[in-house]
Amino acid sequence: MRSIVVSLIFGVVAFAQTPATRLQTAGMVGLAPGQTARLNVLNPGLPAPAGTAAICSGTLSIQDDKQNELKNASVSVIPGQSTALDLNADTDLKLSARIQIRGVISSFRTCLVPTLEIFDNATGKTTVLVTQTNVSPPSTGTTLTAVTPCRIADTRADQGKTDPFGPPTIKGNTSRSFPVPAGSCSIPSDAQAYALNITVVPHGQVGFLTAWPTGQTQPVAATLTWANGTFITNSAIVAGGTNGSVDVYVSDDADVVIDISGYFEPASN
C-alpha cells in the first residue's frame, strides 16, 4: 500500500512540474494614479485536439518592470468568452507616482488571446497596447515622426478606397496584407514601424483581430477583440514587414479601417 501511495505522489509532482507556456506583452506600459490596468484574455474557440475540451485555463498576472507580481488570478475560459484581471492603481496599489507594468499569461496550451488595457478611472478613456512576443518593438536607433492622421485602408464599400486598401470585406479566418508605404499617406519606404489606429466593423458577434509584420509568423496574440457585434478601435505600434507591409487577420468576417498617426524610421535620416 505504501508503494502505491508513493507512486501517486511522484506522479502528481511530475505533473506539476510540466512547464507552462508564457505569453507576455512586449515592452512596458505606464500605470499612473487614477488609472486601472486590465489584462483581458479571449478564448477564440480554436479547434482542440480530438477528444479534448476546448476550455482554456491559465494564470493571468500583471507585473512591474522587475517581474514582481502585482496581482494574479487563475482562470478557465470557455470558447467564445473572455475574462479579465483588473489592477486599480489607487485601491490595489495606492500609487503616488507612475510605474511600468506588463501583462503575463501562463498556460499549458497557447489558446488565450491577450489584451492589456489602461483606462482612466474618471473618464473611462482607454489606451490599449497588445504586442506580440515574437515581434521586436522599434529599436532605440529609430525616431518617431508624427503625421496628420491619415486613412490607409477602409475595406467597407463606397468609402473611396481600392484594392489592396479597400473592399472586399476580410473573410473570417483569413488575413490580408496592407503595403503601407504604397498607400496614399506618403509614408517613406524605410519606415520600420507604424503608429496605427485600427478599427474593426464586425459582421459577427465575437472575434479578434491580429496585426503583425508581413513575412513573419502570425503571433498568438490580438491587437483588439470584439463582442456583441459592436465596432471597436484600438491603438497599436506594428513593425513593417516585407515591402513595409502589415498583415491583418480576423477570426470572423469583418471590415477593417486603418489610420496612421506616425512612423518610426532610422535616426540617421
Protein backbone atom coordinates (compact mmCIF):
# COMPACT_ATOMS: atom_id res chain seq x y z
CA MET A 1 0.00 0.00 0.00
CA ARG A 2 2.80 2.38 0.86
CA SER A 3 4.47 1.89 -2.53
CA ILE A 4 1.22 2.78 -4.30
CA VAL A 5 0.90 6.00 -2.29
CA VAL A 6 4.49 6.96 -3.09
CA SER A 7 3.91 6.31 -6.78
CA LEU A 8 0.87 8.56 -6.80
CA ILE A 9 2.74 11.32 -5.03
CA PHE A 10 5.60 11.19 -7.51
CA GLY A 11 3.07 11.21 -10.33
CA VAL A 12 1.48 14.40 -9.01
CA VAL A 13 4.86 16.04 -8.55
CA ALA A 14 5.93 15.16 -12.09
CA PHE A 15 2.70 16.57 -13.49
CA ALA A 16 3.01 19.80 -11.51
CA GLN A 17 6.49 20.39 -12.89
CA THR A 18 5.33 20.31 -16.52
CA PRO A 19 6.41 23.71 -17.86
CA ALA A 20 3.68 26.15 -18.84
CA THR A 21 3.80 28.37 -21.91
CA ARG A 22 4.35 32.03 -21.04
CA LEU A 23 2.98 34.78 -23.27
CA GLN A 24 3.81 38.32 -22.24
CA THR A 25 3.15 41.71 -23.75
CA ALA A 26 6.35 43.13 -25.23
CA GLY A 27 7.54 46.39 -23.72
CA MET A 28 6.17 48.11 -20.64
CA VAL A 29 3.03 50.20 -20.22
CA GLY A 30 2.72 53.12 -17.82
CA LEU A 31 0.17 52.94 -14.99
CA ALA A 32 -0.48 56.17 -13.07
CA PRO A 33 -2.64 57.18 -10.11
CA GLY A 34 -6.27 57.41 -11.17
CA GLN A 35 -5.95 54.60 -13.70
CA THR A 36 -6.76 50.88 -13.92
CA ALA A 37 -4.86 48.21 -15.85
CA ARG A 38 -6.95 45.44 -17.36
CA LEU A 39 -5.43 42.23 -18.68
CA ASN A 40 -8.19 40.71 -20.80
CA VAL A 41 -8.00 37.24 -22.35
CA LEU A 42 -10.25 35.74 -25.02
CA ASN A 43 -10.71 32.07 -25.83
CA PRO A 44 -11.46 32.29 -29.57
CA GLY A 45 -12.53 28.64 -29.67
CA LEU A 46 -9.77 27.37 -31.95
CA PRO A 47 -10.01 23.66 -32.86
CA ALA A 48 -8.87 21.44 -30.00
CA PRO A 49 -7.18 18.04 -30.40
CA ALA A 50 -9.67 15.22 -30.84
CA GLY A 51 -11.20 14.10 -27.58
CA THR A 52 -10.09 17.13 -25.55
CA ALA A 53 -12.11 20.00 -24.14
CA ALA A 54 -11.74 23.45 -25.70
CA ILE A 55 -11.78 25.19 -22.32
CA CYS A 56 -8.58 27.23 -21.89
CA SER A 57 -7.08 27.52 -18.42
CA GLY A 58 -4.15 29.60 -17.26
CA THR A 59 -2.79 32.15 -14.81
CA LEU A 60 -3.02 35.87 -15.51
CA SER A 61 -0.62 38.24 -13.80
CA ILE A 62 0.26 41.90 -14.00
CA GLN A 63 3.92 42.52 -13.19
CA ASP A 64 6.17 45.52 -12.67
CA ASP A 65 9.43 46.19 -14.50
CA LYS A 66 11.32 43.91 -12.07
CA GLN A 67 8.92 41.00 -12.71
CA ASN A 68 7.30 41.36 -9.29
CA GLU A 69 3.70 40.19 -9.42
CA LEU A 70 1.31 43.00 -8.53
CA LYS A 71 -1.84 40.92 -8.96
CA ASN A 72 -2.70 37.49 -10.36
CA ALA A 73 -5.64 35.16 -10.92
CA SER A 74 -6.26 31.65 -12.23
CA VAL A 75 -8.92 31.45 -14.93
CA SER A 76 -10.78 28.95 -17.10
CA VAL A 77 -12.42 30.38 -20.21
CA ILE A 78 -14.94 28.60 -22.42
CA PRO A 79 -14.83 29.07 -26.22
CA GLY A 80 -16.12 32.43 -27.42
CA GLN A 81 -15.86 34.01 -23.96
CA SER A 82 -13.36 36.30 -22.27
CA THR A 83 -12.34 37.22 -18.74
CA ALA A 84 -10.14 39.91 -17.25
CA LEU A 85 -7.82 40.75 -14.37
CA ASP A 86 -8.09 44.35 -13.14
CA LEU A 87 -5.38 46.23 -11.23
CA ASN A 88 -6.53 49.55 -9.78
CA ALA A 89 -3.67 51.98 -9.19
CA ASP A 90 -5.47 53.63 -6.28
CA THR A 91 -7.22 50.85 -4.37
CA ASP A 92 -4.91 47.91 -5.16
CA LEU A 93 -1.52 49.66 -5.19
CA LYS A 94 -2.17 53.10 -3.61
CA LEU A 95 0.17 54.59 -6.18
CA SER A 96 1.60 58.07 -5.72
CA ALA A 97 3.66 58.00 -8.94
CA ARG A 98 3.63 56.35 -12.35
CA ILE A 99 5.05 52.81 -12.67
CA GLN A 100 5.75 50.47 -15.61
CA ILE A 101 3.82 47.21 -15.95
CA ARG A 102 3.20 44.34 -18.36
CA GLY A 103 0.74 41.50 -18.63
CA VAL A 104 1.81 37.86 -18.46
CA ILE A 105 -0.20 34.71 -19.22
CA SER A 106 0.96 31.24 -18.20
CA SER A 107 -0.95 28.31 -19.70
CA PHE A 108 -0.34 24.66 -20.64
CA ARG A 109 -1.89 25.38 -24.03
CA THR A 110 -1.35 28.56 -26.07
CA CYS A 111 -5.03 29.29 -26.56
CA LEU A 112 -5.77 32.57 -24.74
CA VAL A 113 -5.58 35.82 -26.75
CA PRO A 114 -4.43 38.74 -24.53
CA THR A 115 -5.21 42.45 -24.46
CA LEU A 116 -3.52 44.80 -21.99
CA GLU A 117 -5.56 47.95 -21.44
CA ILE A 118 -5.03 51.08 -19.38
CA PHE A 119 -8.06 53.26 -18.71
CA ASP A 120 -8.69 56.43 -16.74
CA ASN A 121 -10.99 55.76 -13.80
CA ALA A 122 -12.76 59.11 -14.00
CA THR A 123 -13.38 59.42 -17.75
CA GLY A 124 -13.19 55.81 -18.94
CA LYS A 125 -10.79 56.89 -21.72
CA THR A 126 -8.84 53.82 -22.83
CA THR A 127 -5.45 53.12 -24.33
CA VAL A 128 -4.83 49.52 -25.42
CA LEU A 129 -1.42 48.05 -26.16
CA VAL A 130 -1.04 44.43 -27.18
CA THR A 131 2.25 43.42 -28.78
CA GLN A 132 3.49 40.01 -29.80
CA THR A 133 6.31 38.10 -28.12
CA ASN A 134 7.89 37.26 -31.49
CA VAL A 135 7.87 40.82 -32.83
CA SER A 136 10.52 43.25 -31.61
CA PRO A 137 9.44 46.82 -30.86
CA PRO A 138 11.23 49.63 -32.73
CA SER A 139 14.92 49.79 -31.78
CA THR A 140 16.46 52.67 -29.86
CA GLY A 141 18.09 53.72 -33.15
CA THR A 142 14.78 54.95 -34.54
CA THR A 143 12.88 58.21 -34.27
CA LEU A 144 9.13 58.75 -34.31
CA THR A 145 7.78 61.12 -36.95
CA ALA A 146 4.22 62.25 -36.29
CA VAL A 147 1.89 62.79 -39.23
CA THR A 148 -1.56 64.28 -39.59
CA PRO A 149 -3.84 61.28 -39.04
CA CYS A 150 -4.33 59.68 -42.43
CA ARG A 151 -6.56 56.82 -43.53
CA ILE A 152 -4.51 53.99 -45.04
CA ALA A 153 -7.25 51.43 -45.57
CA ASP A 154 -11.02 51.02 -45.35
CA THR A 155 -12.50 47.75 -46.59
CA ARG A 156 -16.10 49.00 -46.39
CA ALA A 157 -17.90 49.59 -49.67
CA ASP A 158 -18.24 53.15 -51.05
CA GLN A 159 -15.54 54.62 -48.79
CA GLY A 160 -13.22 55.64 -51.62
CA LYS A 161 -10.50 53.03 -51.15
CA THR A 162 -9.50 50.42 -53.73
CA ASP A 163 -7.66 47.12 -53.54
CA PRO A 164 -5.44 46.36 -51.62
CA PHE A 165 -6.60 49.19 -49.33
CA GLY A 166 -10.34 48.91 -49.94
CA PRO A 167 -13.07 46.29 -50.40
CA PRO A 168 -13.86 43.48 -50.17
CA THR A 169 -14.61 42.61 -46.55
CA ILE A 170 -11.95 40.41 -44.94
CA LYS A 171 -13.36 36.91 -44.55
CA GLY A 172 -13.17 35.14 -41.20
CA ASN A 173 -10.06 33.04 -40.52
CA THR A 174 -8.13 34.82 -43.30
CA SER A 175 -5.60 37.64 -43.45
CA ARG A 176 -4.75 40.45 -45.88
CA SER A 177 -1.54 42.39 -46.48
CA PHE A 178 -1.57 46.18 -46.44
CA PRO A 179 1.60 47.65 -48.06
CA VAL A 180 1.61 50.86 -46.00
CA PRO A 181 4.29 52.81 -47.97
CA ALA A 182 2.39 52.15 -51.22
CA GLY A 183 -0.73 53.87 -49.87
CA SER A 184 -1.84 57.47 -50.14
CA CYS A 185 -0.42 58.68 -46.80
CA SER A 186 3.15 59.41 -48.04
CA ILE A 187 4.87 57.05 -45.60
CA PRO A 188 8.54 56.51 -46.57
CA SER A 189 9.69 53.06 -47.66
CA ASP A 190 12.39 52.92 -44.95
CA ALA A 191 9.87 53.24 -42.11
CA GLN A 192 10.45 50.40 -39.67
CA ALA A 193 7.18 50.55 -37.69
CA TYR A 194 3.89 52.42 -37.66
CA ALA A 195 1.70 54.04 -35.02
CA LEU A 196 -1.75 52.87 -36.07
CA ASN A 197 -5.36 53.19 -35.05
CA ILE A 198 -7.21 50.06 -36.14
CA THR A 199 -10.99 49.91 -36.19
CA VAL A 200 -12.95 46.72 -36.80
CA VAL A 201 -16.56 46.73 -38.02
CA PRO A 202 -17.54 43.13 -37.26
CA HIS A 203 -20.15 41.08 -39.09
CA GLY A 204 -20.33 38.53 -36.26
CA GLN A 205 -20.82 38.71 -32.52
CA VAL A 206 -17.43 37.72 -31.09
CA GLY A 207 -13.93 37.70 -32.54
CA PHE A 208 -10.46 39.12 -32.59
CA LEU A 209 -8.04 40.86 -34.95
CA THR A 210 -4.28 40.44 -35.10
CA ALA A 211 -1.85 42.76 -36.90
CA TRP A 212 1.81 41.82 -37.47
CA PRO A 213 4.70 42.36 -39.94
CA THR A 214 4.18 40.68 -43.31
CA GLY A 215 6.55 37.75 -43.79
CA GLN A 216 6.66 36.79 -40.11
CA THR A 217 4.71 34.01 -38.43
CA GLN A 218 1.28 35.07 -37.25
CA PRO A 219 1.54 35.50 -33.47
CA VAL A 220 -0.83 34.08 -30.88
CA ALA A 221 -1.95 37.49 -29.70
CA ALA A 222 -4.65 40.02 -30.54
CA THR A 223 -4.43 43.67 -31.45
CA LEU A 224 -8.08 44.01 -30.50
CA THR A 225 -11.09 41.88 -29.61
CA TRP A 226 -14.81 42.46 -30.02
CA ALA A 227 -18.03 41.17 -28.51
CA ASN A 228 -21.75 41.67 -29.10
CA GLY A 229 -21.10 42.62 -32.72
CA THR A 230 -20.11 46.21 -31.89
CA PHE A 231 -17.25 48.03 -33.60
CA ILE A 232 -14.11 48.82 -31.60
CA THR A 233 -10.96 50.88 -32.12
CA ASN A 234 -7.53 50.25 -30.58
CA SER A 235 -4.08 51.78 -30.98
CA ALA A 236 -1.04 49.67 -31.80
CA ILE A 237 2.57 50.03 -32.87
CA VAL A 238 3.19 47.47 -35.61
CA ALA A 239 6.52 46.84 -37.32
CA GLY A 240 6.67 46.86 -41.12
CA GLY A 241 7.44 43.53 -42.78
CA THR A 242 8.13 42.57 -46.39
CA ASN A 243 7.95 45.72 -48.55
CA GLY A 244 6.84 47.61 -45.45
CA SER A 245 3.58 45.68 -45.32
CA VAL A 246 1.40 44.82 -42.33
CA ASP A 247 -0.76 41.68 -42.27
CA VAL A 248 -4.20 41.76 -40.64
CA TYR A 249 -6.07 38.60 -39.60
CA VAL A 250 -9.70 38.46 -38.46
CA SER A 251 -11.26 35.45 -36.77
CA ASP A 252 -14.71 36.27 -38.19
CA ASP A 253 -15.97 38.29 -41.19
CA ALA A 254 -15.19 41.98 -40.60
CA ASP A 255 -14.43 45.27 -42.28
CA VAL A 256 -11.24 46.96 -41.16
CA VAL A 257 -10.30 50.63 -41.08
CA ILE A 258 -6.62 51.57 -40.56
CA ASP A 259 -5.42 55.12 -39.76
CA ILE A 260 -1.80 56.14 -39.24
CA SER A 261 -0.59 58.89 -36.89
CA GLY A 262 3.16 58.38 -37.11
CA TYR A 263 6.03 56.14 -38.16
CA PHE A 264 9.46 55.09 -36.89
CA GLU A 265 12.48 55.45 -39.16
CA PRO A 266 16.28 55.17 -38.68
CA ALA A 267 17.59 58.04 -36.52
CA SER A 268 20.24 58.91 -39.13
CA ASN A 269 17.54 60.08 -41.57
